[in-house]
Amino acid sequence: MTNRVLLTGAAGRLGTVLSTGLAARDLQLRLTDREPPPTLEPTSPYRRCNLANLEDVIQVAGGVDTIVHAAGVPDEAPFAALNESNIVATFNVFEAARLS
Protein backbone atom coordinates (compact mmCIF):
# COMPACT_ATOMS: atom_id res chain seq x y z
CA MET A 1 0.00 0.00 0.00
CA THR A 2 1.37 3.39 -0.97
CA ASN A 3 0.77 6.10 1.60
CA ARG A 4 -0.40 9.39 0.10
CA VAL A 5 0.91 12.24 2.27
CA LEU A 6 0.02 15.93 2.15
CA LEU A 7 2.68 18.22 3.63
CA THR A 8 1.47 21.72 4.44
CA GLY A 9 3.96 24.54 4.84
CA ALA A 10 6.33 22.82 2.42
CA ALA A 11 8.22 26.06 1.66
CA GLY A 12 8.83 26.90 5.32
CA ARG A 13 11.80 26.10 7.52
CA LEU A 14 10.36 22.87 8.91
CA GLY A 15 8.52 21.92 5.71
CA THR A 16 11.67 22.16 3.60
CA VAL A 17 13.46 19.68 5.87
CA LEU A 18 10.45 17.38 6.10
CA SER A 19 9.85 17.37 2.34
CA THR A 20 13.42 16.23 1.70
CA GLY A 21 13.16 13.43 4.26
CA LEU A 22 9.70 12.30 3.20
CA ALA A 23 10.64 12.35 -0.50
CA ALA A 24 13.30 9.72 0.24
CA ARG A 25 10.62 7.29 1.46
CA ASP A 26 8.16 5.17 -0.50
CA LEU A 27 5.39 7.77 -0.32
CA GLN A 28 3.25 9.69 -2.76
CA LEU A 29 4.07 13.13 -1.42
CA ARG A 30 1.94 16.18 -2.20
CA LEU A 31 3.41 19.53 -1.15
CA THR A 32 1.42 22.66 -0.48
CA ASP A 33 2.20 26.21 0.61
CA ARG A 34 1.41 29.75 -0.45
CA GLU A 35 4.68 29.81 -2.41
CA PRO A 36 6.59 26.96 -4.11
CA PRO A 37 9.22 25.25 -1.94
CA PRO A 38 12.80 26.36 -2.66
CA THR A 39 13.92 22.78 -3.35
CA LEU A 40 11.03 21.12 -5.11
CA GLU A 41 11.55 17.39 -5.60
CA PRO A 42 10.63 16.39 -9.17
CA THR A 43 8.53 13.48 -7.91
CA SER A 44 6.59 15.59 -5.40
CA PRO A 45 3.70 17.51 -6.92
CA TYR A 46 3.21 21.01 -5.54
CA ARG A 47 -0.15 22.75 -5.25
CA ARG A 48 -0.49 26.36 -4.14
CA CYS A 49 -3.02 26.67 -1.34
CA ASN A 50 -4.09 29.27 1.18
CA LEU A 51 -5.00 27.14 4.19
CA ALA A 52 -7.26 29.90 5.50
CA ASN A 53 -9.68 28.99 2.68
CA LEU A 54 -11.51 25.80 3.69
CA GLU A 55 -12.63 24.90 0.16
CA ASP A 56 -9.03 25.09 -1.08
CA VAL A 57 -7.86 22.87 1.77
CA ILE A 58 -10.56 20.32 1.08
CA GLN A 59 -9.47 20.15 -2.55
CA VAL A 60 -5.75 19.86 -1.84
CA ALA A 61 -6.35 17.23 0.86
CA GLY A 62 -8.61 15.09 -1.30
CA GLY A 63 -7.39 11.54 -1.67
CA VAL A 64 -4.56 11.65 0.87
CA ASP A 65 -4.08 9.15 3.69
CA THR A 66 -2.01 11.37 5.97
CA ILE A 67 -1.59 15.10 6.53
CA VAL A 68 1.62 16.46 8.04
CA HIS A 69 0.69 19.99 9.06
CA ALA A 70 3.82 22.17 9.26
CA ALA A 71 2.31 25.46 8.08
CA GLY A 72 2.01 28.51 10.27
CA VAL A 73 3.72 31.68 11.41
CA PRO A 74 6.56 30.52 13.70
CA ASP A 75 7.57 33.96 14.95
CA GLU A 76 5.94 36.91 16.64
CA ALA A 77 3.51 38.68 14.33
CA PRO A 78 0.36 40.80 14.47
CA PHE A 79 -2.66 38.88 15.75
CA ALA A 80 -4.41 38.99 12.37
CA ALA A 81 -1.51 37.12 10.73
CA LEU A 82 -1.27 34.62 13.59
CA ASN A 83 -5.02 34.05 13.60
CA GLU A 84 -5.20 33.35 9.86
CA SER A 85 -2.07 31.21 9.59
CA ASN A 86 -2.05 29.41 12.92
CA ILE A 87 -5.65 29.17 14.09
CA VAL A 88 -7.94 29.32 11.04
CA ALA A 89 -5.55 27.34 8.85
CA THR A 90 -5.08 24.62 11.47
CA PHE A 91 -8.84 24.34 11.99
CA ASN A 92 -9.30 24.03 8.21
CA VAL A 93 -6.67 21.26 7.96
CA PHE A 94 -8.41 19.33 10.76
CA GLU A 95 -11.80 19.89 9.12
CA ALA A 96 -10.54 18.74 5.71
CA ALA A 97 -9.07 15.61 7.33
CA ARG A 98 -12.38 14.93 9.08
CA LEU A 99 -14.33 15.32 5.85
CA SER A 100 -11.98 13.07 3.84
PDB file of N, CA and C in Angstrom:
ATOM      1  N   MET A   1       0.838  -1.179   0.000  1.00  0.00           N
ATOM      2  CA  MET A   1       0.000   0.000   0.000  1.00  0.00           C
ATOM      3  C   MET A   1       0.887   1.248   0.000  1.00  0.00           C
ATOM      4  N   THR A   2       0.631   2.138  -0.912  1.00  0.00           N
ATOM      5  CA  THR A   2       1.366   3.395  -0.968  1.00  0.00           C
ATOM      6  C   THR A   2       0.636   4.423  -0.135  1.00  0.00           C
ATOM      7  N   ASN A   3       1.361   5.086   0.743  1.00  0.00           N
ATOM      8  CA  ASN A   3       0.773   6.102   1.596  1.00  0.00           C
ATOM      9  C   ASN A   3       0.826   7.447   0.886  1.00  0.00           C
ATOM     10  N   ARG A   4      -0.318   8.076   0.732  1.00  0.00           N
ATOM     11  CA  ARG A   4      -0.402   9.394   0.104  1.00  0.00           C
ATOM     12  C   ARG A   4      -0.377  10.444   1.204  1.00  0.00           C
ATOM     13  N   VAL A   5       0.668  11.293   1.192  1.00  0.00           N
ATOM     14  CA  VAL A   5       0.905  12.240   2.271  1.00  0.00           C
ATOM     15  C   VAL A   5       0.839  13.668   1.742  1.00  0.00           C
ATOM     16  N   LEU A   6       0.067  14.500   2.425  1.00  0.00           N
ATOM     17  CA  LEU A   6       0.024  15.932   2.151  1.00  0.00           C
ATOM     18  C   LEU A   6       0.889  16.623   3.193  1.00  0.00           C
ATOM     19  N   LEU A   7       1.839  17.426   2.741  1.00  0.00           N
ATOM     20  CA  LEU A   7       2.681  18.217   3.633  1.00  0.00           C
ATOM     21  C   LEU A   7       2.330  19.684   3.454  1.00  0.00           C
ATOM     22  N   THR A   8       1.762  20.291   4.492  1.00  0.00           N
ATOM     23  CA  THR A   8       1.465  21.724   4.442  1.00  0.00           C
ATOM     24  C   THR A   8       2.692  22.495   4.905  1.00  0.00           C
ATOM     25  N   GLY A   9       2.812  23.726   4.445  1.00  0.00           N
ATOM     26  CA  GLY A   9       3.963  24.537   4.843  1.00  0.00           C
ATOM     27  C   GLY A   9       5.254  24.047   4.226  1.00  0.00           C
ATOM     28  N   ALA A  10       5.173  23.468   3.043  1.00  0.00           N
ATOM     29  CA  ALA A  10       6.332  22.823   2.417  1.00  0.00           C
ATOM     30  C   ALA A  10       7.459  23.791   2.087  1.00  0.00           C
ATOM     31  N   ALA A  11       7.179  25.078   1.979  1.00  0.00           N
ATOM     32  CA  ALA A  11       8.224  26.057   1.658  1.00  0.00           C
ATOM     33  C   ALA A  11       8.844  26.678   2.905  1.00  0.00           C
ATOM     34  N   GLY A  12       8.321  26.324   4.066  1.00  0.00           N
ATOM     35  CA  GLY A  12       8.826  26.896   5.316  1.00  0.00           C
ATOM     36  C   GLY A  12      10.085  26.197   5.803  1.00  0.00           C
ATOM     37  N   ARG A  13      10.573  26.675   6.944  1.00  0.00           N
ATOM     38  CA  ARG A  13      11.799  26.102   7.520  1.00  0.00           C
ATOM     39  C   ARG A  13      11.638  24.615   7.827  1.00  0.00           C
ATOM     40  N   LEU A  14      10.592  24.267   8.562  1.00  0.00           N
ATOM     41  CA  LEU A  14      10.355  22.870   8.911  1.00  0.00           C
ATOM     42  C   LEU A  14       9.917  22.068   7.685  1.00  0.00           C
ATOM     43  N   GLY A  15       9.029  22.627   6.885  1.00  0.00           N
ATOM     44  CA  GLY A  15       8.520  21.925   5.715  1.00  0.00           C
ATOM     45  C   GLY A  15       9.588  21.572   4.702  1.00  0.00           C
ATOM     46  N   THR A  16      10.576  22.432   4.546  1.00  0.00           N
ATOM     47  CA  THR A  16      11.675  22.161   3.604  1.00  0.00           C
ATOM     48  C   THR A  16      12.448  20.925   4.045  1.00  0.00           C
ATOM     49  N   VAL A  17      12.735  20.842   5.336  1.00  0.00           N
ATOM     50  CA  VAL A  17      13.461  19.682   5.866  1.00  0.00           C
ATOM     51  C   VAL A  17      12.598  18.426   5.758  1.00  0.00           C
ATOM     52  N   LEU A  18      11.342  18.532   6.157  1.00  0.00           N
ATOM     53  CA  LEU A  18      10.449  17.382   6.099  1.00  0.00           C
ATOM     54  C   LEU A  18      10.242  16.886   4.675  1.00  0.00           C
ATOM     55  N   SER A  19      10.096  17.799   3.723  1.00  0.00           N
ATOM     56  CA  SER A  19       9.851  17.367   2.340  1.00  0.00           C
ATOM     57  C   SER A  19      11.028  16.572   1.787  1.00  0.00           C
ATOM     58  N   THR A  20      12.233  16.970   2.151  1.00  0.00           N
ATOM     59  CA  THR A  20      13.416  16.234   1.697  1.00  0.00           C
ATOM     60  C   THR A  20      13.432  14.829   2.301  1.00  0.00           C
ATOM     61  N   GLY A  21      13.171  14.733   3.601  1.00  0.00           N
ATOM     62  CA  GLY A  21      13.160  13.432   4.261  1.00  0.00           C
ATOM     63  C   GLY A  21      12.031  12.537   3.797  1.00  0.00           C
ATOM     64  N   LEU A  22      10.853  13.103   3.632  1.00  0.00           N
ATOM     65  CA  LEU A  22       9.703  12.302   3.199  1.00  0.00           C
ATOM     66  C   LEU A  22       9.837  11.864   1.740  1.00  0.00           C
ATOM     67  N   ALA A  23      10.475  12.698   0.912  1.00  0.00           N
ATOM     68  CA  ALA A  23      10.645  12.350  -0.502  1.00  0.00           C
ATOM     69  C   ALA A  23      11.543  11.120  -0.668  1.00  0.00           C
ATOM     70  N   ALA A  24      12.397  10.866   0.310  1.00  0.00           N
ATOM     71  CA  ALA A  24      13.302   9.721   0.241  1.00  0.00           C
ATOM     72  C   ALA A  24      12.602   8.410   0.609  1.00  0.00           C
ATOM     73  N   ARG A  25      11.376   8.487   1.067  1.00  0.00           N
ATOM     74  CA  ARG A  25      10.619   7.294   1.464  1.00  0.00           C
ATOM     75  C   ARG A  25       9.667   6.868   0.344  1.00  0.00           C
ATOM     76  N   ASP A  26       9.091   5.698   0.505  1.00  0.00           N
ATOM     77  CA  ASP A  26       8.159   5.172  -0.497  1.00  0.00           C
ATOM     78  C   ASP A  26       6.769   5.762  -0.251  1.00  0.00           C
ATOM     79  N   LEU A  27       6.636   7.056  -0.547  1.00  0.00           N
ATOM     80  CA  LEU A  27       5.385   7.770  -0.322  1.00  0.00           C
ATOM     81  C   LEU A  27       4.994   8.532  -1.578  1.00  0.00           C
ATOM     82  N   GLN A  28       3.722   8.750  -1.740  1.00  0.00           N
ATOM     83  CA  GLN A  28       3.253   9.693  -2.759  1.00  0.00           C
ATOM     84  C   GLN A  28       3.071  11.005  -2.022  1.00  0.00           C
ATOM     85  N   LEU A  29       4.042  11.887  -2.174  1.00  0.00           N
ATOM     86  CA  LEU A  29       4.067  13.128  -1.417  1.00  0.00           C
ATOM     87  C   LEU A  29       3.448  14.257  -2.225  1.00  0.00           C
ATOM     88  N   ARG A  30       2.546  14.993  -1.601  1.00  0.00           N
ATOM     89  CA  ARG A  30       1.941  16.181  -2.203  1.00  0.00           C
ATOM     90  C   ARG A  30       2.315  17.367  -1.316  1.00  0.00           C
ATOM     91  N   LEU A  31       2.955  18.357  -1.897  1.00  0.00           N
ATOM     92  CA  LEU A  31       3.406  19.530  -1.154  1.00  0.00           C
ATOM     93  C   LEU A  31       2.455  20.693  -1.379  1.00  0.00           C
ATOM     94  N   THR A  32       2.226  21.468  -0.330  1.00  0.00           N
ATOM     95  CA  THR A  32       1.417  22.662  -0.477  1.00  0.00           C
ATOM     96  C   THR A  32       1.961  23.782   0.399  1.00  0.00           C
ATOM     97  N   ASP A  33       1.811  24.992  -0.093  1.00  0.00           N
ATOM     98  CA  ASP A  33       2.200  26.207   0.608  1.00  0.00           C
ATOM     99  C   ASP A  33       1.662  27.359  -0.216  1.00  0.00           C
ATOM    100  N   ARG A  34       1.817  28.563   0.319  1.00  0.00           N
ATOM    101  CA  ARG A  34       1.410  29.751  -0.445  1.00  0.00           C
ATOM    102  C   ARG A  34       2.378  30.033  -1.583  1.00  0.00           C
ATOM    103  N   GLU A  35       3.626  29.637  -1.395  1.00  0.00           N
ATOM    104  CA  GLU A  35       4.677  29.813  -2.410  1.00  0.00           C
ATOM    105  C   GLU A  35       5.345  28.465  -2.655  1.00  0.00           C
ATOM    106  N   PRO A  36       5.912  28.238  -3.842  1.00  0.00           N
ATOM    107  CA  PRO A  36       6.587  26.959  -4.106  1.00  0.00           C
ATOM    108  C   PRO A  36       7.788  26.768  -3.183  1.00  0.00           C
ATOM    109  N   PRO A  37       8.038  25.534  -2.763  1.00  0.00           N
ATOM    110  CA  PRO A  37       9.216  25.246  -1.943  1.00  0.00           C
ATOM    111  C   PRO A  37      10.497  25.573  -2.697  1.00  0.00           C
ATOM    112  N   PRO A  38      11.555  26.004  -1.982  1.00  0.00           N
ATOM    113  CA  PRO A  38      12.804  26.358  -2.656  1.00  0.00           C
ATOM    114  C   PRO A  38      13.475  25.171  -3.323  1.00  0.00           C
ATOM    115  N   THR A  39      13.344  23.991  -2.750  1.00  0.00           N
ATOM    116  CA  THR A  39      13.921  22.781  -3.348  1.00  0.00           C
ATOM    117  C   THR A  39      12.788  21.813  -3.607  1.00  0.00           C
ATOM    118  N   LEU A  40      12.178  21.944  -4.758  1.00  0.00           N
ATOM    119  CA  LEU A  40      11.026  21.116  -5.110  1.00  0.00           C
ATOM    120  C   LEU A  40      11.506  19.816  -5.729  1.00  0.00           C
ATOM    121  N   GLU A  41      11.192  18.704  -5.069  1.00  0.00           N
ATOM    122  CA  GLU A  41      11.554  17.390  -5.599  1.00  0.00           C
ATOM    123  C   GLU A  41      10.728  17.117  -6.862  1.00  0.00           C
ATOM    124  N   PRO A  42      11.369  16.612  -7.921  1.00  0.00           N
ATOM    125  CA  PRO A  42      10.627  16.392  -9.168  1.00  0.00           C
ATOM    126  C   PRO A  42       9.490  15.388  -9.035  1.00  0.00           C
ATOM    127  N   THR A  43       9.582  14.484  -8.070  1.00  0.00           N
ATOM    128  CA  THR A  43       8.529  13.476  -7.907  1.00  0.00           C
ATOM    129  C   THR A  43       7.444  13.915  -6.937  1.00  0.00           C
ATOM    130  N   SER A  44       7.554  15.104  -6.379  1.00  0.00           N
ATOM    131  CA  SER A  44       6.585  15.591  -5.402  1.00  0.00           C
ATOM    132  C   SER A  44       5.755  16.720  -5.989  1.00  0.00           C
ATOM    133  N   PRO A  45       4.518  16.448  -6.345  1.00  0.00           N
ATOM    134  CA  PRO A  45       3.697  17.509  -6.918  1.00  0.00           C
ATOM    135  C   PRO A  45       3.405  18.608  -5.899  1.00  0.00           C
ATOM    136  N   TYR A  46       3.478  19.836  -6.369  1.00  0.00           N
ATOM    137  CA  TYR A  46       3.213  21.014  -5.542  1.00  0.00           C
ATOM    138  C   TYR A  46       1.894  21.638  -5.963  1.00  0.00           C
ATOM    139  N   ARG A  47       1.098  22.027  -4.972  1.00  0.00           N
ATOM    140  CA  ARG A  47      -0.148  22.751  -5.249  1.00  0.00           C
ATOM    141  C   ARG A  47      -0.212  23.957  -4.324  1.00  0.00           C
ATOM    142  N   ARG A  48      -0.351  25.124  -4.925  1.00  0.00           N
ATOM    143  CA  ARG A  48      -0.494  26.357  -4.139  1.00  0.00           C
ATOM    144  C   ARG A  48      -1.824  26.300  -3.400  1.00  0.00           C
ATOM    145  N   CYS A  49      -1.797  26.702  -2.124  1.00  0.00           N
ATOM    146  CA  CYS A  49      -3.018  26.674  -1.335  1.00  0.00           C
ATOM    147  C   CYS A  49      -2.909  27.663  -0.187  1.00  0.00           C
ATOM    148  N   ASN A  50      -3.973  28.426   0.001  1.00  0.00           N
ATOM    149  CA  ASN A  50      -4.093  29.273   1.180  1.00  0.00           C
ATOM    150  C   ASN A  50      -4.930  28.482   2.178  1.00  0.00           C
ATOM    151  N   LEU A  51      -4.305  28.004   3.232  1.00  0.00           N
ATOM    152  CA  LEU A  51      -4.998  27.139   4.185  1.00  0.00           C
ATOM    153  C   LEU A  51      -6.108  27.848   4.949  1.00  0.00           C
ATOM    154  N   ALA A  52      -6.171  29.159   4.862  1.00  0.00           N
ATOM    155  CA  ALA A  52      -7.256  29.897   5.499  1.00  0.00           C
ATOM    156  C   ALA A  52      -8.558  29.781   4.710  1.00  0.00           C
ATOM    157  N   ASN A  53      -8.505  29.203   3.518  1.00  0.00           N
ATOM    158  CA  ASN A  53      -9.681  28.989   2.679  1.00  0.00           C
ATOM    159  C   ASN A  53     -10.059  27.509   2.742  1.00  0.00           C
ATOM    160  N   LEU A  54     -11.135  27.194   3.465  1.00  0.00           N
ATOM    161  CA  LEU A  54     -11.509  25.802   3.691  1.00  0.00           C
ATOM    162  C   LEU A  54     -11.726  25.033   2.394  1.00  0.00           C
ATOM    163  N   GLU A  55     -12.378  25.616   1.422  1.00  0.00           N
ATOM    164  CA  GLU A  55     -12.631  24.904   0.160  1.00  0.00           C
ATOM    165  C   GLU A  55     -11.324  24.519  -0.534  1.00  0.00           C
ATOM    166  N   ASP A  56     -10.335  25.410  -0.500  1.00  0.00           N
ATOM    167  CA  ASP A  56      -9.027  25.093  -1.080  1.00  0.00           C
ATOM    168  C   ASP A  56      -8.367  23.934  -0.340  1.00  0.00           C
ATOM    169  N   VAL A  57      -8.476  23.942   0.970  1.00  0.00           N
ATOM    170  CA  VAL A  57      -7.856  22.875   1.770  1.00  0.00           C
ATOM    171  C   VAL A  57      -8.534  21.544   1.487  1.00  0.00           C
ATOM    172  N   ILE A  58      -9.839  21.549   1.384  1.00  0.00           N
ATOM    173  CA  ILE A  58     -10.562  20.316   1.080  1.00  0.00           C
ATOM    174  C   ILE A  58     -10.104  19.759  -0.263  1.00  0.00           C
ATOM    175  N   GLN A  59      -9.928  20.612  -1.235  1.00  0.00           N
ATOM    176  CA  GLN A  59      -9.471  20.148  -2.553  1.00  0.00           C
ATOM    177  C   GLN A  59      -8.063  19.588  -2.506  1.00  0.00           C
ATOM    178  N   VAL A  60      -7.149  20.311  -1.856  1.00  0.00           N
ATOM    179  CA  VAL A  60      -5.753  19.862  -1.841  1.00  0.00           C
ATOM    180  C   VAL A  60      -5.581  18.605  -0.996  1.00  0.00           C
ATOM    181  N   ALA A  61      -6.456  18.398  -0.012  1.00  0.00           N
ATOM    182  CA  ALA A  61      -6.348  17.230   0.857  1.00  0.00           C
ATOM    183  C   ALA A  61      -7.090  16.012   0.316  1.00  0.00           C
ATOM    184  N   GLY A  62      -7.839  16.198  -0.743  1.00  0.00           N
ATOM    185  CA  GLY A  62      -8.610  15.095  -1.297  1.00  0.00           C
ATOM    186  C   GLY A  62      -7.731  13.931  -1.720  1.00  0.00           C
ATOM    187  N   GLY A  63      -8.077  12.746  -1.248  1.00  0.00           N
ATOM    188  CA  GLY A  63      -7.389  11.537  -1.670  1.00  0.00           C
ATOM    189  C   GLY A  63      -6.107  11.207  -0.911  1.00  0.00           C
ATOM    190  N   VAL A  64      -5.765  11.978   0.112  1.00  0.00           N
ATOM    191  CA  VAL A  64      -4.559  11.649   0.873  1.00  0.00           C
ATOM    192  C   VAL A  64      -4.908  10.763   2.060  1.00  0.00           C
ATOM    193  N   ASP A  65      -3.914  10.020   2.524  1.00  0.00           N
ATOM    194  CA  ASP A  65      -4.083   9.154   3.692  1.00  0.00           C
ATOM    195  C   ASP A  65      -3.615   9.836   4.971  1.00  0.00           C
ATOM    196  N   THR A  66      -2.648  10.730   4.825  1.00  0.00           N
ATOM    197  CA  THR A  66      -2.006  11.369   5.972  1.00  0.00           C
ATOM    198  C   THR A  66      -1.765  12.833   5.662  1.00  0.00           C
ATOM    199  N   ILE A  67      -1.931  13.680   6.660  1.00  0.00           N
ATOM    200  CA  ILE A  67      -1.587  15.096   6.529  1.00  0.00           C
ATOM    201  C   ILE A  67      -0.536  15.420   7.585  1.00  0.00           C
ATOM    202  N   VAL A  68       0.600  15.949   7.130  1.00  0.00           N
ATOM    203  CA  VAL A  68       1.623  16.463   8.036  1.00  0.00           C
ATOM    204  C   VAL A  68       1.488  17.982   7.963  1.00  0.00           C
ATOM    205  N   HIS A  69       0.988  18.557   9.050  1.00  0.00           N
ATOM    206  CA  HIS A  69       0.686  19.991   9.059  1.00  0.00           C
ATOM    207  C   HIS A  69       1.856  20.762   9.673  1.00  0.00           C
ATOM    208  N   ALA A  70       2.650  21.402   8.815  1.00  0.00           N
ATOM    209  CA  ALA A  70       3.820  22.173   9.260  1.00  0.00           C
ATOM    210  C   ALA A  70       3.691  23.641   8.896  1.00  0.00           C
ATOM    211  N   ALA A  71       2.520  24.065   8.476  1.00  0.00           N
ATOM    212  CA  ALA A  71       2.312  25.458   8.079  1.00  0.00           C
ATOM    213  C   ALA A  71       2.005  26.312   9.295  1.00  0.00           C
ATOM    214  N   GLY A  72       2.342  27.566   9.208  1.00  0.00           N
ATOM    215  CA  GLY A  72       2.015  28.510  10.265  1.00  0.00           C
ATOM    216  C   GLY A  72       3.083  29.573  10.391  1.00  0.00           C
ATOM    217  N   VAL A  73       2.762  30.599  11.142  1.00  0.00           N
ATOM    218  CA  VAL A  73       3.720  31.677  11.412  1.00  0.00           C
ATOM    219  C   VAL A  73       4.492  31.277  12.672  1.00  0.00           C
ATOM    220  N   PRO A  74       5.804  31.011  12.549  1.00  0.00           N
ATOM    221  CA  PRO A  74       6.561  30.518  13.698  1.00  0.00           C
ATOM    222  C   PRO A  74       7.119  31.608  14.611  1.00  0.00           C
ATOM    223  N   ASP A  75       6.969  32.849  14.216  1.00  0.00           N
ATOM    224  CA  ASP A  75       7.566  33.959  14.953  1.00  0.00           C
ATOM    225  C   ASP A  75       6.476  34.894  15.461  1.00  0.00           C
ATOM    226  N   GLU A  76       6.884  35.890  16.214  1.00  0.00           N
ATOM    227  CA  GLU A  76       5.936  36.914  16.639  1.00  0.00           C
ATOM    228  C   GLU A  76       5.422  37.655  15.410  1.00  0.00           C
ATOM    229  N   ALA A  77       4.138  37.991  15.455  1.00  0.00           N
ATOM    230  CA  ALA A  77       3.507  38.676  14.330  1.00  0.00           C
ATOM    231  C   ALA A  77       2.227  39.322  14.855  1.00  0.00           C
ATOM    232  N   PRO A  78       1.651  40.231  14.076  1.00  0.00           N
ATOM    233  CA  PRO A  78       0.358  40.795  14.468  1.00  0.00           C
ATOM    234  C   PRO A  78      -0.686  39.685  14.603  1.00  0.00           C
ATOM    235  N   PHE A  79      -1.654  39.913  15.498  1.00  0.00           N
ATOM    236  CA  PHE A  79      -2.656  38.885  15.752  1.00  0.00           C
ATOM    237  C   PHE A  79      -3.375  38.441  14.486  1.00  0.00           C
ATOM    238  N   ALA A  80      -3.683  39.355  13.591  1.00  0.00           N
ATOM    239  CA  ALA A  80      -4.413  38.986  12.366  1.00  0.00           C
ATOM    240  C   ALA A  80      -3.643  37.929  11.571  1.00  0.00           C
ATOM    241  N   ALA A  81      -2.333  38.092  11.458  1.00  0.00           N
ATOM    242  CA  ALA A  81      -1.507  37.121  10.727  1.00  0.00           C
ATOM    243  C   ALA A  81      -1.457  35.789  11.472  1.00  0.00           C
ATOM    244  N   LEU A  82      -1.304  35.848  12.793  1.00  0.00           N
ATOM    245  CA  LEU A  82      -1.265  34.622  13.591  1.00  0.00           C
ATOM    246  C   LEU A  82      -2.607  33.895  13.548  1.00  0.00           C
ATOM    247  N   ASN A  83      -3.688  34.641  13.632  1.00  0.00           N
ATOM    248  CA  ASN A  83      -5.017  34.049  13.596  1.00  0.00           C
ATOM    249  C   ASN A  83      -5.250  33.312  12.281  1.00  0.00           C
ATOM    250  N   GLU A  84      -4.964  33.975  11.173  1.00  0.00           N
ATOM    251  CA  GLU A  84      -5.201  33.352   9.865  1.00  0.00           C
ATOM    252  C   GLU A  84      -4.318  32.130   9.645  1.00  0.00           C
ATOM    253  N   SER A  85      -3.030  32.280   9.915  1.00  0.00           N
ATOM    254  CA  SER A  85      -2.075  31.210   9.590  1.00  0.00           C
ATOM    255  C   SER A  85      -2.010  30.096  10.625  1.00  0.00           C
ATOM    256  N   ASN A  86      -2.235  30.413  11.880  1.00  0.00           N
ATOM    257  CA  ASN A  86      -2.050  29.411  12.919  1.00  0.00           C
ATOM    258  C   ASN A  86      -3.350  28.852  13.473  1.00  0.00           C
ATOM    259  N   ILE A  87      -4.394  29.647  13.499  1.00  0.00           N
ATOM    260  CA  ILE A  87      -5.653  29.173  14.087  1.00  0.00           C
ATOM    261  C   ILE A  87      -6.635  28.741  13.001  1.00  0.00           C
ATOM    262  N   VAL A  88      -6.975  29.651  12.103  1.00  0.00           N
ATOM    263  CA  VAL A  88      -7.942  29.324  11.045  1.00  0.00           C
ATOM    264  C   VAL A  88      -7.393  28.224  10.139  1.00  0.00           C
ATOM    265  N   ALA A  89      -6.149  28.340   9.737  1.00  0.00           N
ATOM    266  CA  ALA A  89      -5.554  27.340   8.846  1.00  0.00           C
ATOM    267  C   ALA A  89      -5.520  25.959   9.507  1.00  0.00           C
ATOM    268  N   THR A  90      -5.134  25.907  10.767  1.00  0.00           N
ATOM    269  CA  THR A  90      -5.084  24.618  11.467  1.00  0.00           C
ATOM    270  C   THR A  90      -6.482  24.015  11.598  1.00  0.00           C
ATOM    271  N   PHE A  91      -7.462  24.841  11.941  1.00  0.00           N
ATOM    272  CA  PHE A  91      -8.840  24.344  11.987  1.00  0.00           C
ATOM    273  C   PHE A  91      -9.241  23.771  10.626  1.00  0.00           C
ATOM    274  N   ASN A  92      -8.921  24.480   9.545  1.00  0.00           N
ATOM    275  CA  ASN A  92      -9.302  24.026   8.208  1.00  0.00           C
ATOM    276  C   ASN A  92      -8.617  22.709   7.834  1.00  0.00           C
ATOM    277  N   VAL A  93      -7.372  22.540   8.230  1.00  0.00           N
ATOM    278  CA  VAL A  93      -6.673  21.262   7.963  1.00  0.00           C
ATOM    279  C   VAL A  93      -7.372  20.133   8.717  1.00  0.00           C
ATOM    280  N   PHE A  94      -7.707  20.357   9.987  1.00  0.00           N
ATOM    281  CA  PHE A  94      -8.410  19.332  10.757  1.00  0.00           C
ATOM    282  C   PHE A  94      -9.775  19.038  10.133  1.00  0.00           C
ATOM    283  N   GLU A  95     -10.481  20.065   9.718  1.00  0.00           N
ATOM    284  CA  GLU A  95     -11.799  19.886   9.120  1.00  0.00           C
ATOM    285  C   GLU A  95     -11.708  19.126   7.797  1.00  0.00           C
ATOM    286  N   ALA A  96     -10.719  19.448   6.978  1.00  0.00           N
ATOM    287  CA  ALA A  96     -10.538  18.739   5.713  1.00  0.00           C
ATOM    288  C   ALA A  96     -10.204  17.267   5.966  1.00  0.00           C
ATOM    289  N   ALA A  97      -9.392  16.995   6.980  1.00  0.00           N
ATOM    290  CA  ALA A  97      -9.074  15.611   7.329  1.00  0.00           C
ATOM    291  C   ALA A  97     -10.324  14.874   7.796  1.00  0.00           C
ATOM    292  N   ARG A  98     -11.137  15.533   8.593  1.00  0.00           N
ATOM    293  CA  ARG A  98     -12.376  14.930   9.084  1.00  0.00           C
ATOM    294  C   ARG A  98     -13.334  14.596   7.937  1.00  0.00           C
ATOM    295  N   LEU A  99     -13.406  15.493   6.966  1.00  0.00           N
ATOM    296  CA  LEU A  99     -14.327  15.316   5.849  1.00  0.00           C
ATOM    297  C   LEU A  99     -13.831  14.301   4.812  1.00  0.00           C
ATOM    298  N   SER A 100     -12.556  14.005   4.828  1.00  0.00           N
ATOM    299  CA  SER A 100     -11.985  13.067   3.835  1.00  0.00           C
ATOM    300  C   SER A 100     -12.364  11.633   4.142  1.00  0.00           C
TER     301      SER A 100
END
